[in-house]
Amino acid sequence: MMSRLVLTAVDGTWSCTVPSGTKRVLGRASGQADVVLRDLSVARRHAVVFEQDHVWHIEDLGSHCGIYVNDVAAVGSRRLAQGDTVRIGAISLVVAIQDDAGPV
């Protein structure tokens, strides 16, 4: 089943969609990141989101601040689930996983 990952800022002002079968680097540098998060607390290349075996993951790329999923520091690759909150630097994002029929 094809799915897509939707990351939305907690305040609702921003969102991005990552299609199935792709990966996206999140960071603050427009020349180095696929998804730009404009905040100085975010590293140039902070984290990557990707789908593996029909499961979405996030992985820190060696940033100084790390990443948090549901307020727990994520070490290595961390599985993402519907409704999770991801913190990258000072930016908090809500996870939505959708298939062709809608939210999973």
Protein backbone atom coordinates (compact mmCIF):
# COMPACT_ATOMS: atom_id res chain seq x y z
CA MET A 1 0.00 0.00 0.00
CA MET A 2 1.33 3.44 -0.93
CA SER A 3 1.42 6.03 1.82
CA ARG A 4 2.64 9.55 2.31
CA LEU A 5 3.98 11.30 5.37
CA VAL A 6 2.59 14.73 6.23
CA LEU A 7 4.47 16.87 8.74
CA THR A 8 2.54 19.88 10.06
CA ALA A 9 3.77 22.58 12.42
CA VAL A 10 1.98 22.37 15.77
CA ASP A 11 0.67 25.92 15.24
CA GLY A 12 -0.70 24.90 11.82
CA THR A 13 1.27 27.54 9.88
CA TRP A 14 3.35 25.11 7.80
CA SER A 15 3.23 21.58 6.41
CA CYS A 16 5.04 19.35 3.94
CA THR A 17 4.23 16.04 2.31
CA VAL A 18 6.76 13.27 1.70
CA PRO A 19 5.58 10.77 -0.93
CA SER A 20 6.03 7.02 -0.50
CA GLY A 21 9.36 5.71 -1.78
CA THR A 22 11.23 8.97 -1.17
CA LYS A 23 13.33 10.42 1.60
CA ARG A 24 13.68 14.04 2.60
CA VAL A 25 16.41 15.80 4.56
CA LEU A 26 15.08 18.38 7.02
CA GLY A 27 17.31 21.29 7.96
CA ARG A 28 17.76 25.06 7.84
CA ALA A 29 20.04 25.33 4.77
CA SER A 30 18.12 25.60 1.51
CA GLY A 31 21.05 24.28 -0.52
CA GLN A 32 21.55 21.22 1.72
CA ALA A 33 18.05 20.30 2.94
CA ASP A 34 15.02 19.18 0.93
CA VAL A 35 12.66 20.60 3.56
CA VAL A 36 13.81 23.92 5.00
CA LEU A 37 12.96 24.74 8.63
CA ARG A 38 13.86 28.38 9.16
CA ASP A 39 15.11 28.43 12.74
CA LEU A 40 18.65 28.86 14.05
CA SER A 41 18.15 25.94 16.47
CA VAL A 42 17.89 23.60 13.46
CA ALA A 43 21.12 22.28 11.92
CA ARG A 44 21.85 22.76 8.23
CA ARG A 45 21.12 19.03 7.70
CA HIS A 46 19.31 18.02 10.88
CA ALA A 47 17.32 14.84 10.17
CA VAL A 48 16.03 12.60 7.41
CA VAL A 49 12.56 11.06 7.05
CA PHE A 50 12.11 7.93 4.97
CA GLU A 51 9.87 4.93 4.44
CA GLN A 52 11.24 1.42 4.89
CA ASP A 53 9.11 -1.72 4.56
CA HIS A 54 5.92 0.42 4.56
CA VAL A 55 6.91 2.10 7.85
CA TRP A 56 7.95 5.76 8.15
CA HIS A 57 11.10 6.63 10.11
CA ILE A 58 13.08 9.69 11.19
CA GLU A 59 16.81 9.69 11.88
CA ASP A 60 19.07 12.40 13.26
CA LEU A 61 21.99 13.30 10.98
CA GLY A 62 24.42 14.09 13.79
CA SER A 63 22.92 17.42 14.81
CA HIS A 64 24.00 19.06 18.06
CA CYS A 65 20.44 19.28 19.47
CA GLY A 66 19.18 15.90 18.27
CA ILE A 67 15.54 15.07 17.59
CA TYR A 68 12.71 14.13 19.92
CA VAL A 69 9.66 12.00 19.21
CA ASN A 70 6.87 12.48 21.77
CA ASP A 71 9.41 14.27 24.03
CA VAL A 72 11.80 11.28 24.04
CA ALA A 73 15.25 11.66 22.49
CA ALA A 74 15.48 9.59 19.31
CA VAL A 75 18.67 7.59 18.95
CA GLY A 76 19.33 6.07 15.55
CA SER A 77 16.34 5.48 13.31
CA ARG A 78 12.99 5.98 15.05
CA ARG A 79 9.66 4.67 13.77
CA LEU A 80 6.93 7.29 13.28
CA ALA A 81 3.23 6.73 13.96
CA GLN A 82 0.04 8.68 13.32
CA GLY A 83 -0.22 11.62 15.74
CA ASP A 84 3.40 11.57 16.93
CA THR A 85 4.99 14.92 17.74
CA VAL A 86 8.52 15.43 16.42
CA ARG A 87 10.76 18.20 17.76
CA ILE A 88 13.63 19.38 15.60
CA GLY A 89 15.46 22.19 17.36
CA ALA A 90 12.73 24.54 18.58
CA ILE A 91 10.24 23.42 15.91
CA SER A 92 7.50 20.91 16.78
CA LEU A 93 5.76 18.97 14.02
CA VAL A 94 2.76 16.62 14.10
CA VAL A 95 2.94 13.41 12.06
CA ALA A 96 0.13 12.24 9.79
CA ILE A 97 0.44 9.09 7.70
CA GLN A 98 -1.99 8.84 4.83
CA ASP A 99 -2.71 6.17 2.25
CA ASP A 100 -4.76 6.58 -0.92
CA ALA A 101 -7.96 6.25 1.14
CA GLY A 102 -6.98 8.87 3.76
CA PRO A 103 -5.35 8.79 7.23
CA VAL A 104 -3.97 5.47 8.41
